[in-house]
C-alpha atoms as a PDB file:
ATOM      1  CA  MET A   1     245.012 -13.073   6.553  1.00  0.00           C
ATOM      2  CA  VAL A   2     245.408  -9.335   7.521  1.00  0.00           C
ATOM      3  CA  SER A   3     243.079  -7.127   5.658  1.00  0.00           C
ATOM      4  CA  GLU A   4     244.199  -3.963   3.140  1.00  0.00           C
ATOM      5  CA  HIS A   5     242.691  -2.148   6.097  1.00  0.00           C
ATOM      6  CA  GLU A   6     244.475  -3.596   9.018  1.00  0.00           C
ATOM      7  CA  GLN A   7     247.643  -2.974   7.016  1.00  0.00           C
ATOM      8  CA  ALA A   8     246.816   0.489   6.630  1.00  0.00           C
ATOM      9  CA  VAL A   9     245.986   0.840  10.184  1.00  0.00           C
ATOM     10  CA  GLN A  10     249.418  -1.169  11.021  1.00  0.00           C
ATOM     11  CA  ARG A  11     251.104   2.021   8.950  1.00  0.00           C
ATOM     12  CA  ASN A  12     249.641   4.409  10.576  1.00  0.00           C
ATOM     13  CA  VAL A  13     250.428   3.197  13.995  1.00  0.00           C
ATOM     14  CA  GLN A  14     253.985   2.798  13.269  1.00  0.00           C
ATOM     15  CA  ALA A  15     253.874   6.454  11.761  1.00  0.00           C
ATOM     16  CA  LEU A  16     252.258   7.649  14.626  1.00  0.00           C
ATOM     17  CA  GLY A  17     254.900   5.912  17.057  1.00  0.00           C
ATOM     18  CA  ALA A  18     257.618   7.087  15.463  1.00  0.00           C
ATOM     19  CA  ASP A  19     256.528  10.999  15.214  1.00  0.00           C
ATOM     20  CA  LYS A  20     258.350  12.454  18.126  1.00  0.00           C
ATOM     21  CA  ARG A  21     257.046  16.040  17.113  1.00  0.00           C
ATOM     22  CA  LEU A  22     253.352  14.542  17.339  1.00  0.00           C
ATOM     23  CA  GLN A  23     254.190  12.909  20.850  1.00  0.00           C
ATOM     24  CA  ALA A  24     255.673  16.410  22.057  1.00  0.00           C
ATOM     25  CA  LEU A  25     252.695  18.223  21.012  1.00  0.00           C
ATOM     26  CA  THR A  26     250.538  15.907  23.178  1.00  0.00           C
ATOM     27  CA  GLN A  27     252.741  16.071  25.984  1.00  0.00           C
ATOM     28  CA  GLN A  28     251.721  19.894  25.984  1.00  0.00           C
ATOM     29  CA  TRP A  29     248.640  19.439  25.342  1.00  0.00           C
ATOM     30  CA  LEU A  30     247.919  16.735  28.315  1.00  0.00           C
ATOM     31  CA  LEU A  31     249.844  19.499  30.909  1.00  0.00           C
ATOM     32  CA  ALA A  32     247.391  21.959  29.784  1.00  0.00           C
ATOM     33  CA  ALA A  33     244.641  19.427  30.003  1.00  0.00           C
ATOM     34  CA  ILE A  34     245.703  18.471  33.069  1.00  0.00           C
ATOM     35  CA  GLY A  35     245.140  22.184  34.453  1.00  0.00           C
ATOM     36  CA  HIS A  36     241.408  21.669  33.726  1.00  0.00           C
ATOM     37  CA  ASN A  37     240.855  18.555  35.256  1.00  0.00           C
ATOM     38  CA  TYR A  38     240.033  16.987  32.376  1.00  0.00           C
ATOM     39  CA  ALA A  39     239.742  13.438  32.822  1.00  0.00           C
ATOM     40  CA  HIS A  40     236.848  13.983  35.202  1.00  0.00           C
ATOM     41  CA  ASN A  41     234.561  15.175  32.772  1.00  0.00           C
ATOM     42  CA  PHE A  42     233.240  11.866  31.466  1.00  0.00           C
ATOM     43  CA  SER A  43     230.890   9.062  32.103  1.00  0.00           C
ATOM     44  CA  TRP A  44     229.908   5.693  31.181  1.00  0.00           C
ATOM     45  CA  LEU A  45     226.382   4.851  31.283  1.00  0.00           C
ATOM     46  CA  GLY A  46     225.864   7.237  33.784  1.00  0.00           C
ATOM     47  CA  ARG A  47     228.627   6.854  36.272  1.00  0.00           C
ATOM     48  CA  PRO A  48     231.554   9.096  36.185  1.00  0.00           C
ATOM     49  CA  VAL A  49     234.858   7.181  34.728  1.00  0.00           C
ATOM     50  CA  ILE A  50     238.268   9.715  35.530  1.00  0.00           C
ATOM     51  CA  GLN A  51     240.173   8.598  32.275  1.00  0.00           C
ATOM     52  CA  VAL A  52     241.094  10.572  29.430  1.00  0.00           C
ATOM     53  CA  PRO A  53     238.384   9.339  26.141  1.00  0.00           C
ATOM     54  CA  GLN A  54     241.413   7.872  24.777  1.00  0.00           C
ATOM     55  CA  ASP A  55     242.306   5.651  27.339  1.00  0.00           C
ATOM     56  CA  ILE A  56     238.904   4.561  27.431  1.00  0.00           C
ATOM     57  CA  TYR A  57     238.713   3.620  23.885  1.00  0.00           C
ATOM     58  CA  ALA A  58     241.777   1.671  24.429  1.00  0.00           C
ATOM     59  CA  THR A  59     239.959  -0.348  27.246  1.00  0.00           C
ATOM     60  CA  GLN A  60     237.089  -1.482  25.528  1.00  0.00           C
ATOM     61  CA  GLU A  61     239.670  -2.417  22.693  1.00  0.00           C
ATOM     62  CA  ILE A  62     241.756  -4.512  25.050  1.00  0.00           C
ATOM     63  CA  LEU A  63     238.625  -6.400  26.730  1.00  0.00           C
ATOM     64  CA  TRP A  64     236.897  -7.549  23.363  1.00  0.00           C
ATOM     65  CA  ARG A  65     240.287  -8.728  22.272  1.00  0.00           C
ATOM     66  CA  VAL A  66     240.946 -10.800  25.580  1.00  0.00           C
ATOM     67  CA  GLN A  67     237.395 -11.607  26.358  1.00  0.00           C
ATOM     68  CA  PRO A  68     238.350 -12.180  29.923  1.00  0.00           C
ATOM     69  CA  ASP A  69     235.721 -14.013  32.352  1.00  0.00           C
ATOM     70  CA  LEU A  70     237.052 -11.994  35.350  1.00  0.00           C
ATOM     71  CA  VAL A  71     238.321  -8.355  35.499  1.00  0.00           C
ATOM     72  CA  ILE A  72     240.235  -7.324  38.731  1.00  0.00           C
ATOM     73  CA  GLU A  73     240.465  -3.636  39.087  1.00  0.00           C
ATOM     74  CA  THR A  74     242.097  -1.952  41.991  1.00  0.00           C
ATOM     75  CA  GLY A  75     240.650   1.752  42.390  1.00  0.00           C
ATOM     76  CA  ILE A  76     236.768   2.413  42.410  1.00  0.00           C
ATOM     77  CA  ALA A  77     235.946   6.054  43.050  1.00  0.00           C
ATOM     78  CA  HIS A  78     232.611   6.705  41.318  1.00  0.00           C
ATOM     79  CA  GLY A  79     232.468   3.127  39.694  1.00  0.00           C
ATOM     80  CA  GLY A  80     232.563   4.216  36.079  1.00  0.00           C
ATOM     81  CA  SER A  81     235.491   1.640  35.287  1.00  0.00           C
ATOM     82  CA  LEU A  82     233.816  -0.763  36.676  1.00  0.00           C
ATOM     83  CA  ILE A  83     230.403   0.108  34.695  1.00  0.00           C
ATOM     84  CA  LEU A  84     232.820   0.116  31.751  1.00  0.00           C
ATOM     85  CA  SER A  85     234.328  -3.294  31.997  1.00  0.00           C
ATOM     86  CA  ALA A  86     230.925  -4.832  33.061  1.00  0.00           C
ATOM     87  CA  SER A  87     229.240  -3.458  29.972  1.00  0.00           C
ATOM     88  CA  MET A  88     231.942  -5.054  27.854  1.00  0.00           C
ATOM     89  CA  LEU A  89     231.784  -8.215  29.730  1.00  0.00           C
ATOM     90  CA  ALA A  90     227.831  -8.254  28.927  1.00  0.00           C
ATOM     91  CA  MET A  91     228.375  -7.334  25.247  1.00  0.00           C
ATOM     92  CA  ILE A  92     230.572 -10.569  25.269  1.00  0.00           C
ATOM     93  CA  ASP A  93     228.435 -12.780  26.818  1.00  0.00           C
ATOM     94  CA  TYR A  94     225.647 -11.243  24.205  1.00  0.00           C
ATOM     95  CA  CYS A  95     227.811 -11.902  21.103  1.00  0.00           C
ATOM     96  CA  GLU A  96     228.664 -15.180  22.550  1.00  0.00           C
ATOM     97  CA  ALA A  97     224.926 -16.218  22.749  1.00  0.00           C
ATOM     98  CA  ALA A  98     223.969 -14.799  19.373  1.00  0.00           C
ATOM     99  CA  ARG A  99     227.078 -17.011  17.992  1.00  0.00           C
ATOM    100  CA  THR A 100     226.388 -20.064  19.730  1.00  0.00           C
ATOM    101  CA  GLY A 101     222.329 -19.672  19.996  1.00  0.00           C
ATOM    102  CA  ALA A 102     222.461 -20.163  23.765  1.00  0.00           C
ATOM    103  CA  THR A 103     219.711 -18.548  25.745  1.00  0.00           C
ATOM    104  CA  LEU A 104     221.152 -15.337  27.755  1.00  0.00           C
ATOM    105  CA  THR A 105     219.734 -15.012  30.991  1.00  0.00           C
ATOM    106  CA  PRO A 106     220.288 -11.864  33.088  1.00  0.00           C
ATOM    107  CA  GLY A 107     222.056 -12.532  36.122  1.00  0.00           C
ATOM    108  CA  GLN A 108     223.824 -15.990  35.295  1.00  0.00           C
ATOM    109  CA  SER A 109     226.757 -14.991  33.183  1.00  0.00           C
ATOM    110  CA  ARG A 110     230.261 -16.873  34.536  1.00  0.00           C
ATOM    111  CA  ARG A 111     232.049 -13.437  33.848  1.00  0.00           C
ATOM    112  CA  ARG A 112     232.681 -10.961  36.613  1.00  0.00           C
ATOM    113  CA  VAL A 113     234.360  -7.640  37.412  1.00  0.00           C
ATOM    114  CA  ILE A 114     235.679  -7.211  41.104  1.00  0.00           C
ATOM    115  CA  GLY A 115     236.773  -3.793  42.299  1.00  0.00           C
ATOM    116  CA  ILE A 116     238.862  -2.866  45.302  1.00  0.00           C
ATOM    117  CA  ASP A 117     239.311   0.241  47.241  1.00  0.00           C
ATOM    118  CA  ILE A 118     240.440   1.273  50.342  1.00  0.00           C
ATOM    119  CA  ASP A 119     237.075   3.707  50.829  1.00  0.00           C
ATOM    120  CA  ILE A 120     233.942   2.970  48.599  1.00  0.00           C
ATOM    121  CA  ARG A 121     232.045   5.914  49.497  1.00  0.00           C
ATOM    122  CA  ALA A 122     228.268   4.985  50.648  1.00  0.00           C
ATOM    123  CA  HIS A 123     226.636   7.092  47.499  1.00  0.00           C
ATOM    124  CA  ASN A 124     229.259   5.367  45.028  1.00  0.00           C
ATOM    125  CA  ARG A 125     228.263   1.953  46.657  1.00  0.00           C
ATOM    126  CA  GLU A 126     224.786   2.782  46.092  1.00  0.00           C
ATOM    127  CA  ALA A 127     225.001   3.887  42.411  1.00  0.00           C
ATOM    128  CA  VAL A 128     226.976   1.158  41.471  1.00  0.00           C
ATOM    129  CA  GLN A 129     224.376  -1.677  43.105  1.00  0.00           C
ATOM    130  CA  SER A 130     221.750  -0.282  41.627  1.00  0.00           C
ATOM    131  CA  HIS A 131     222.787  -0.082  38.530  1.00  0.00           C
ATOM    132  CA  PRO A 132     221.598  -2.444  35.768  1.00  0.00           C
ATOM    133  CA  LEU A 133     224.873  -3.933  35.317  1.00  0.00           C
ATOM    134  CA  ALA A 134     225.508  -5.113  38.791  1.00  0.00           C
ATOM    135  CA  SER A 135     224.994  -8.295  38.986  1.00  0.00           C
ATOM    136  CA  LEU A 136     228.384  -8.745  37.123  1.00  0.00           C
ATOM    137  CA  ILE A 137     230.091  -6.822  39.930  1.00  0.00           C
ATOM    138  CA  GLU A 138     231.395  -7.177  43.203  1.00  0.00           C
ATOM    139  CA  MET A 139     233.128  -4.876  45.428  1.00  0.00           C
ATOM    140  CA  HIS A 140     235.705  -5.238  48.039  1.00  0.00           C
ATOM    141  CA  GLN A 141     236.404  -2.175  50.472  1.00  0.00           C
ATOM    142  CA  GLY A 142     239.952  -2.538  52.113  1.00  0.00           C
ATOM    143  CA  SER A 143     243.884  -1.937  50.776  1.00  0.00           C
ATOM    144  CA  SER A 144     244.018  -3.873  47.457  1.00  0.00           C
ATOM    145  CA  ILE A 145     247.356  -4.926  49.070  1.00  0.00           C
ATOM    146  CA  ASP A 146     245.885  -6.009  52.381  1.00  0.00           C
ATOM    147  CA  GLU A 147     247.019 -10.071  52.507  1.00  0.00           C
ATOM    148  CA  ALA A 148     243.135 -10.771  53.466  1.00  0.00           C
ATOM    149  CA  ILE A 149     242.022  -8.695  49.829  1.00  0.00           C
ATOM    150  CA  VAL A 150     244.549 -10.488  47.995  1.00  0.00           C
ATOM    151  CA  ARG A 151     243.740 -13.826  48.939  1.00  0.00           C
ATOM    152  CA  GLN A 152     240.094 -13.461  48.572  1.00  0.00           C
ATOM    153  CA  VAL A 153     241.021 -12.363  44.848  1.00  0.00           C
ATOM    154  CA  ARG A 154     243.443 -14.927  44.050  1.00  0.00           C
ATOM    155  CA  GLU A 155     240.897 -17.552  45.235  1.00  0.00           C
ATOM    156  CA  ALA A 156     238.376 -15.889  42.576  1.00  0.00           C
ATOM    157  CA  ALA A 157     240.970 -15.812  40.452  1.00  0.00           C
ATOM    158  CA  ALA A 158     241.333 -19.701  40.423  1.00  0.00           C
ATOM    159  CA  ARG A 159     237.881 -20.162  39.302  1.00  0.00           C
ATOM    160  CA  HIS A 160     238.269 -18.041  36.022  1.00  0.00           C
ATOM    161  CA  GLU A 161     240.207 -19.166  32.651  1.00  0.00           C
ATOM    162  CA  ARG A 162     240.658 -15.680  31.493  1.00  0.00           C
ATOM    163  CA  VAL A 163     241.844 -12.635  33.706  1.00  0.00           C
ATOM    164  CA  LEU A 164     242.527  -9.342  32.864  1.00  0.00           C
ATOM    165  CA  VAL A 165     243.736  -6.559  35.445  1.00  0.00           C
ATOM    166  CA  PHE A 166     243.862  -2.743  35.897  1.00  0.00           C
ATOM    167  CA  LEU A 167     245.925  -1.096  38.571  1.00  0.00           C
ATOM    168  CA  ASP A 168     244.411   2.327  39.352  1.00  0.00           C
ATOM    169  CA  SER A 169     244.465   3.198  43.200  1.00  0.00           C
ATOM    170  CA  ASN A 170     247.261   4.394  45.259  1.00  0.00           C
ATOM    171  CA  HIS A 171     249.842   5.726  42.902  1.00  0.00           C
ATOM    172  CA  THR A 172     252.988   5.454  44.499  1.00  0.00           C
ATOM    173  CA  HIS A 173     255.903   3.551  44.068  1.00  0.00           C
ATOM    174  CA  GLU A 174     255.796   1.311  46.771  1.00  0.00           C
ATOM    175  CA  HIS A 175     251.945   1.038  46.440  1.00  0.00           C
ATOM    176  CA  VAL A 176     251.702   0.137  42.828  1.00  0.00           C
ATOM    177  CA  LEU A 177     255.017  -2.296  43.033  1.00  0.00           C
ATOM    178  CA  ALA A 178     253.080  -4.187  45.832  1.00  0.00           C
ATOM    179  CA  GLU A 179     250.112  -4.658  43.655  1.00  0.00           C
ATOM    180  CA  LEU A 180     251.855  -5.620  40.546  1.00  0.00           C
ATOM    181  CA  GLN A 181     253.525  -8.387  43.052  1.00  0.00           C
ATOM    182  CA  ALA A 182     250.075  -9.297  43.926  1.00  0.00           C
ATOM    183  CA  TYR A 183     247.894  -9.134  40.625  1.00  0.00           C
ATOM    184  CA  ALA A 184     250.164  -9.320  37.908  1.00  0.00           C
ATOM    185  CA  PRO A 185     250.879 -13.154  38.307  1.00  0.00           C
ATOM    186  CA  LEU A 186     246.598 -13.781  38.283  1.00  0.00           C
ATOM    187  CA  VAL A 187     246.793 -12.366  34.625  1.00  0.00           C
ATOM    188  CA  SER A 188     246.395 -14.745  31.843  1.00  0.00           C
ATOM    189  CA  PRO A 189     249.105 -15.396  29.024  1.00  0.00           C
ATOM    190  CA  GLY A 190     247.785 -13.339  26.336  1.00  0.00           C
ATOM    191  CA  SER A 191     245.888 -10.869  28.572  1.00  0.00           C
ATOM    192  CA  TYR A 192     246.898  -7.610  30.095  1.00  0.00           C
ATOM    193  CA  CYS A 193     247.856  -5.620  33.220  1.00  0.00           C
ATOM    194  CA  VAL A 194     246.955  -2.265  32.554  1.00  0.00           C
ATOM    195  CA  VAL A 195     248.878   0.390  35.059  1.00  0.00           C
ATOM    196  CA  TRP A 196     247.067   3.441  35.079  1.00  0.00           C
ATOM    197  CA  ASP A 197     248.897   7.273  35.376  1.00  0.00           C
ATOM    198  CA  THR A 198     252.138   6.010  34.303  1.00  0.00           C
ATOM    199  CA  GLY A 199     252.047   9.331  32.822  1.00  0.00           C
ATOM    200  CA  VAL A 200     253.120  10.888  36.232  1.00  0.00           C
ATOM    201  CA  GLU A 201     257.086   9.904  35.579  1.00  0.00           C
ATOM    202  CA  ASP A 202     256.793  12.480  32.500  1.00  0.00           C
ATOM    203  CA  LEU A 203     255.530  15.589  34.151  1.00  0.00           C
ATOM    204  CA  PRO A 204     257.907  18.466  34.995  1.00  0.00           C
ATOM    205  CA  ASP A 205     259.464  18.177  38.443  1.00  0.00           C
ATOM    206  CA  GLY A 206     257.068  19.905  41.038  1.00  0.00           C
ATOM    207  CA  PHE A 207     253.990  19.516  38.863  1.00  0.00           C
ATOM    208  CA  VAL A 208     252.134  17.325  41.510  1.00  0.00           C
ATOM    209  CA  THR A 209     251.866  18.860  44.804  1.00  0.00           C
ATOM    210  CA  ASN A 210     248.672  17.610  46.511  1.00  0.00           C
ATOM    211  CA  ARG A 211     249.495  14.028  46.410  1.00  0.00           C
ATOM    212  CA  PRO A 212     252.261  11.849  47.827  1.00  0.00           C
ATOM    213  CA  TRP A 213     253.249  10.272  44.609  1.00  0.00           C
ATOM    214  CA  GLY A 214     255.238  12.617  41.808  1.00  0.00           C
ATOM    215  CA  LYS A 215     258.588  12.263  39.483  1.00  0.00           C
ATOM    216  CA  GLY A 216     260.676   9.451  40.637  1.00  0.00           C
ATOM    217  CA  ASN A 217     257.516   8.170  42.992  1.00  0.00           C
ATOM    218  CA  ASN A 218     254.686   6.846  40.777  1.00  0.00           C
ATOM    219  CA  PRO A 219     253.134   3.930  38.545  1.00  0.00           C
ATOM    220  CA  LYS A 220     255.616   3.965  35.600  1.00  0.00           C
ATOM    221  CA  THR A 221     258.660   3.704  38.254  1.00  0.00           C
ATOM    222  CA  ALA A 222     257.071   0.492  39.926  1.00  0.00           C
ATOM    223  CA  VAL A 223     256.257  -0.690  36.402  1.00  0.00           C
ATOM    224  CA  PHE A 224     260.087  -0.958  35.677  1.00  0.00           C
ATOM    225  CA  GLU A 225     260.931  -2.120  39.213  1.00  0.00           C
ATOM    226  CA  TYR A 226     258.755  -5.099  38.727  1.00  0.00           C
ATOM    227  CA  LEU A 227     259.998  -5.886  35.123  1.00  0.00           C
ATOM    228  CA  ARG A 228     263.507  -5.568  36.329  1.00  0.00           C
ATOM    229  CA  GLN A 229     262.825  -8.286  39.249  1.00  0.00           C
ATOM    230  CA  LEU A 230     260.893 -10.380  36.743  1.00  0.00           C
ATOM    231  CA  ARG A 231     264.246 -10.398  34.482  1.00  0.00           C
ATOM    232  CA  GLU A 232     266.700 -10.806  37.486  1.00  0.00           C
ATOM    233  CA  THR A 233     264.340 -13.832  39.250  1.00  0.00           C
ATOM    234  CA  PRO A 234     262.192 -15.462  36.696  1.00  0.00           C
ATOM    235  CA  SER A 235     258.864 -16.609  38.100  1.00  0.00           C
ATOM    236  CA  THR A 236     256.007 -18.482  37.306  1.00  0.00           C
ATOM    237  CA  ASP A 237     252.127 -18.253  38.064  1.00  0.00           C
ATOM    238  CA  ALA A 238     249.724 -20.499  40.406  1.00  0.00           C
ATOM    239  CA  GLN A 239     249.953 -23.286  37.229  1.00  0.00           C
ATOM    240  CA  GLY A 240     253.581 -23.233  36.717  1.00  0.00           C
ATOM    241  CA  ARG A 241     253.568 -21.249  33.869  1.00  0.00           C
ATOM    242  CA  PRO A 242     256.675 -18.517  33.149  1.00  0.00           C
ATOM    243  CA  LEU A 243     255.668 -15.057  34.045  1.00  0.00           C
ATOM    244  CA  ASP A 244     256.749 -12.375  31.699  1.00  0.00           C
ATOM    245  CA  PHE A 245     255.108  -9.000  30.323  1.00  0.00           C
ATOM    246  CA  GLU A 246     255.885  -7.015  27.437  1.00  0.00           C
ATOM    247  CA  PHE A 247     255.052  -3.309  26.498  1.00  0.00           C
ATOM    248  CA  ASP A 248     252.166  -2.707  24.190  1.00  0.00           C
ATOM    249  CA  LYS A 249     253.169   0.443  22.671  1.00  0.00           C
ATOM    250  CA  THR A 250     250.921  -0.285  19.535  1.00  0.00           C
ATOM    251  CA  ILE A 251     248.067   0.689  22.032  1.00  0.00           C
ATOM    252  CA  GLU A 252     249.573   3.872  23.458  1.00  0.00           C
ATOM    253  CA  HIS A 253     250.986   4.766  19.609  1.00  0.00           C
ATOM    254  CA  LYS A 254     247.285   4.008  18.179  1.00  0.00           C
ATOM    255  CA  ILE A 255     245.333   6.296  20.664  1.00  0.00           C
ATOM    256  CA  ALA A 256     248.438   9.144  20.764  1.00  0.00           C
ATOM    257  CA  ILE A 257     246.822  10.656  23.981  1.00  0.00           C
ATOM    258  CA  SER A 258     247.288   8.688  26.918  1.00  0.00           C
ATOM    259  CA  ALA A 259     247.723   9.102  30.624  1.00  0.00           C
ATOM    260  CA  SER A 260     249.357   5.743  30.993  1.00  0.00           C
ATOM    261  CA  PRO A 261     252.626   5.776  28.742  1.00  0.00           C
ATOM    262  CA  ASP A 262     254.674   2.438  29.332  1.00  0.00           C
ATOM    263  CA  GLY A 263     251.383   0.934  31.594  1.00  0.00           C
ATOM    264  CA  PHE A 264     249.733  -1.400  28.794  1.00  0.00           C
ATOM    265  CA  LEU A 265     251.475  -4.729  29.947  1.00  0.00           C
ATOM    266  CA  ARG A 266     250.571  -7.880  28.144  1.00  0.00           C
ATOM    267  CA  ARG A 267     251.367 -11.135  29.086  1.00  0.00           C
ATOM    268  CA  CYS A 268     253.591 -13.413  27.092  1.00  0.00           C
END
């Protein structure tokens, strides 16, 4: 049964989604904030996490809702996102133990975070490996679309029941589309494939000058192409279940400010 508070939240979120003036103001704010490297200014449990706080908050809500036993992340950078996911998995473990009366033994969790990056710098690797949550994390160095890396991750996913994916590495259309083709089929029904930085498509022409991606060539264009491919050629996952995703607009409407509009893909 939906509580009065939940009903009020639903009304609030619907109103936020319908408020075009607020959305226009948000876009203006984001353009100004990017000039200050806003997303680079935050950390999670001691490690830099390059996300706007609203997306960080959305991440924890998604992780709590899905309760995954495997999180796959492409793009590691300083490792803050890995620590964020691992901390939520640890919290889920703690709550599960409290609910069932099970003994919670450090290092024995079945839950894992897999991080992939083409260049894991030594100081970042050391910082993640020395973190108290390191036992929940494994890192793979190499391109996220390299066949050997994809094969390793698929083999790991086959040993887990609830899989969630975050894509946040090379933001070109070609690369993100290849990531979606490789990792979206691993997402469990009801779980998410979150594609970060889709907002690049909404920036003015020429706004991105120091990266190989930009308007017309970015994560959002890859998302729409991937969904188009699924519509034209229906696919199944390794268990033979239909592969279908929908935009969860409720998330971005709720947080109002996001670097990833149309990036929260929920598997149906």
